């Protein structure tokens, strides 16, 4: 699975995320956020060639439990996971290099 264009209809629980195998990038944001919209081409360019990385878009907001469990403050925030454990994150990426740097912990085994 590579880049996902749509936010999930229902966010997964933290326990479900913690149990995810292999590589996952969770993107927290909203479909209307200007920062999120501006980052989409960068995120897609970084993730599209990586079929080994699951991309989950989670619509975040006040009171959303998954975002609060990761202490998300700004959108978009990409949380990079290996076997359900956070290995990197990037907040409001403005260039491809920031995303590439966040994905580096997944490249060593790639």
Protein backbone atom coordinates (compact mmCIF):
# COMPACT_ATOMS: atom_id res chain seq x y z
CA UNK A 1 0.00 0.00 0.00
CA UNK A 2 1.34 3.43 -0.86
CA UNK A 3 -0.05 6.96 -0.73
CA UNK A 4 -3.66 7.24 0.40
CA UNK A 5 -5.75 10.11 -0.95
CA UNK A 6 -8.63 9.74 1.52
CA UNK A 7 -8.91 10.10 5.27
CA UNK A 8 -10.27 7.05 7.06
CA UNK A 9 -14.00 7.12 7.77
CA UNK A 10 -13.21 6.03 11.34
CA UNK A 11 -9.84 6.33 13.03
CA UNK A 12 -8.24 3.15 14.34
CA UNK A 13 -7.70 2.69 18.06
CA UNK A 14 -4.25 3.16 19.56
CA UNK A 15 -4.14 -0.59 20.29
CA UNK A 16 -4.81 -1.33 16.60
CA UNK A 17 -2.03 1.05 15.54
CA UNK A 18 0.41 -0.36 18.10
CA UNK A 19 -0.23 -3.84 16.65
CA UNK A 20 0.48 -2.86 13.02
CA UNK A 21 3.29 -4.94 11.53
CA UNK A 22 6.12 -3.59 9.35
CA UNK A 23 6.16 0.04 8.21
CA UNK A 24 3.38 2.59 8.57
CA UNK A 25 3.08 6.35 8.20
CA UNK A 26 0.10 7.90 9.95
CA UNK A 27 -0.76 11.32 8.61
CA UNK A 28 -2.77 13.45 11.03
CA UNK A 29 -4.62 16.40 9.50
CA UNK A 30 -7.90 17.42 7.90
CA UNK A 31 -9.15 17.64 4.30
CA UNK A 32 -9.63 21.42 4.64
CA UNK A 33 -6.35 22.44 6.32
CA UNK A 34 -4.24 24.65 4.00
CA UNK A 35 -0.97 23.23 5.42
CA UNK A 36 -2.26 19.69 4.86
CA UNK A 37 -3.33 20.43 1.30
CA UNK A 38 -0.01 22.09 0.50
CA UNK A 39 1.94 19.10 1.81
CA UNK A 40 0.04 16.48 -0.19
CA UNK A 41 2.31 16.55 -3.28
CA UNK A 42 5.39 16.17 -1.04
CA UNK A 43 3.88 13.31 0.94
CA UNK A 44 2.68 11.55 -2.22
CA UNK A 45 6.10 11.91 -3.87
CA UNK A 46 7.83 10.43 -0.81
CA UNK A 47 5.44 7.54 -0.27
CA UNK A 48 4.38 6.53 -3.78
CA UNK A 49 7.60 4.65 -4.61
CA UNK A 50 7.50 2.81 -1.27
CA UNK A 51 5.01 -0.04 -1.65
CA UNK A 52 6.38 -1.44 1.63
CA UNK A 53 4.96 1.47 3.67
CA UNK A 54 1.32 1.57 4.75
CA UNK A 55 -0.07 5.14 4.65
CA UNK A 56 -3.02 5.95 6.90
CA UNK A 57 -4.67 9.37 6.80
CA UNK A 58 -6.46 10.20 10.03
CA UNK A 59 -8.73 13.22 10.28
CA UNK A 60 -7.69 14.84 13.52
CA UNK A 61 -9.38 17.38 15.74
CA UNK A 62 -10.22 18.24 19.34
CA UNK A 63 -11.10 15.20 21.36
CA UNK A 64 -9.92 12.68 18.78
CA UNK A 65 -8.29 9.94 20.86
CA UNK A 66 -5.63 8.73 18.41
CA UNK A 67 -4.26 12.21 17.78
CA UNK A 68 -4.26 12.99 21.47
CA UNK A 69 -2.39 9.76 22.23
CA UNK A 70 0.39 10.94 19.90
CA UNK A 71 0.20 14.51 21.27
CA UNK A 72 -0.49 15.99 17.85
CA UNK A 73 -0.44 19.79 17.96
CA UNK A 74 -0.06 20.92 14.33
CA UNK A 75 -1.29 19.57 10.99
CA UNK A 76 -0.13 17.79 9.04
CA UNK A 77 1.98 15.61 11.30
CA UNK A 78 3.43 12.40 9.91
CA UNK A 79 4.19 9.74 12.50
CA UNK A 80 6.52 7.06 11.14
CA UNK A 81 6.09 3.64 12.73
CA UNK A 82 8.04 0.41 12.58
CA UNK A 83 6.06 -2.53 13.97
CA UNK A 84 3.70 -0.11 15.71
CA UNK A 85 6.46 1.87 17.44
CA UNK A 86 7.20 5.49 16.57
CA UNK A 87 10.66 5.89 15.02
CA UNK A 88 10.31 9.41 13.58
CA UNK A 89 7.89 12.22 12.93
CA UNK A 90 7.72 15.31 10.79
CA UNK A 91 5.47 18.26 11.53
CA UNK A 92 4.24 20.49 8.72
CA UNK A 93 6.69 19.33 6.07
CA UNK A 94 7.53 22.06 3.58
CA UNK A 95 10.01 20.13 1.46
CA UNK A 96 10.64 16.57 0.33
CA UNK A 97 13.89 16.37 2.30
CA UNK A 98 12.04 16.63 5.63
CA UNK A 99 9.88 13.64 4.73
CA UNK A 100 12.84 11.67 3.36
CA UNK A 101 14.71 12.24 6.62
CA UNK A 102 11.71 10.96 8.62
CA UNK A 103 11.57 7.83 6.44
CA UNK A 104 15.29 7.05 6.88
CA UNK A 105 14.72 4.67 9.83
CA UNK A 106 12.64 2.55 7.41
CA UNK A 107 15.28 2.60 4.68
CA UNK A 108 17.97 0.71 6.58
CA UNK A 109 16.01 -2.52 6.23
CA UNK A 110 14.57 -1.64 2.82
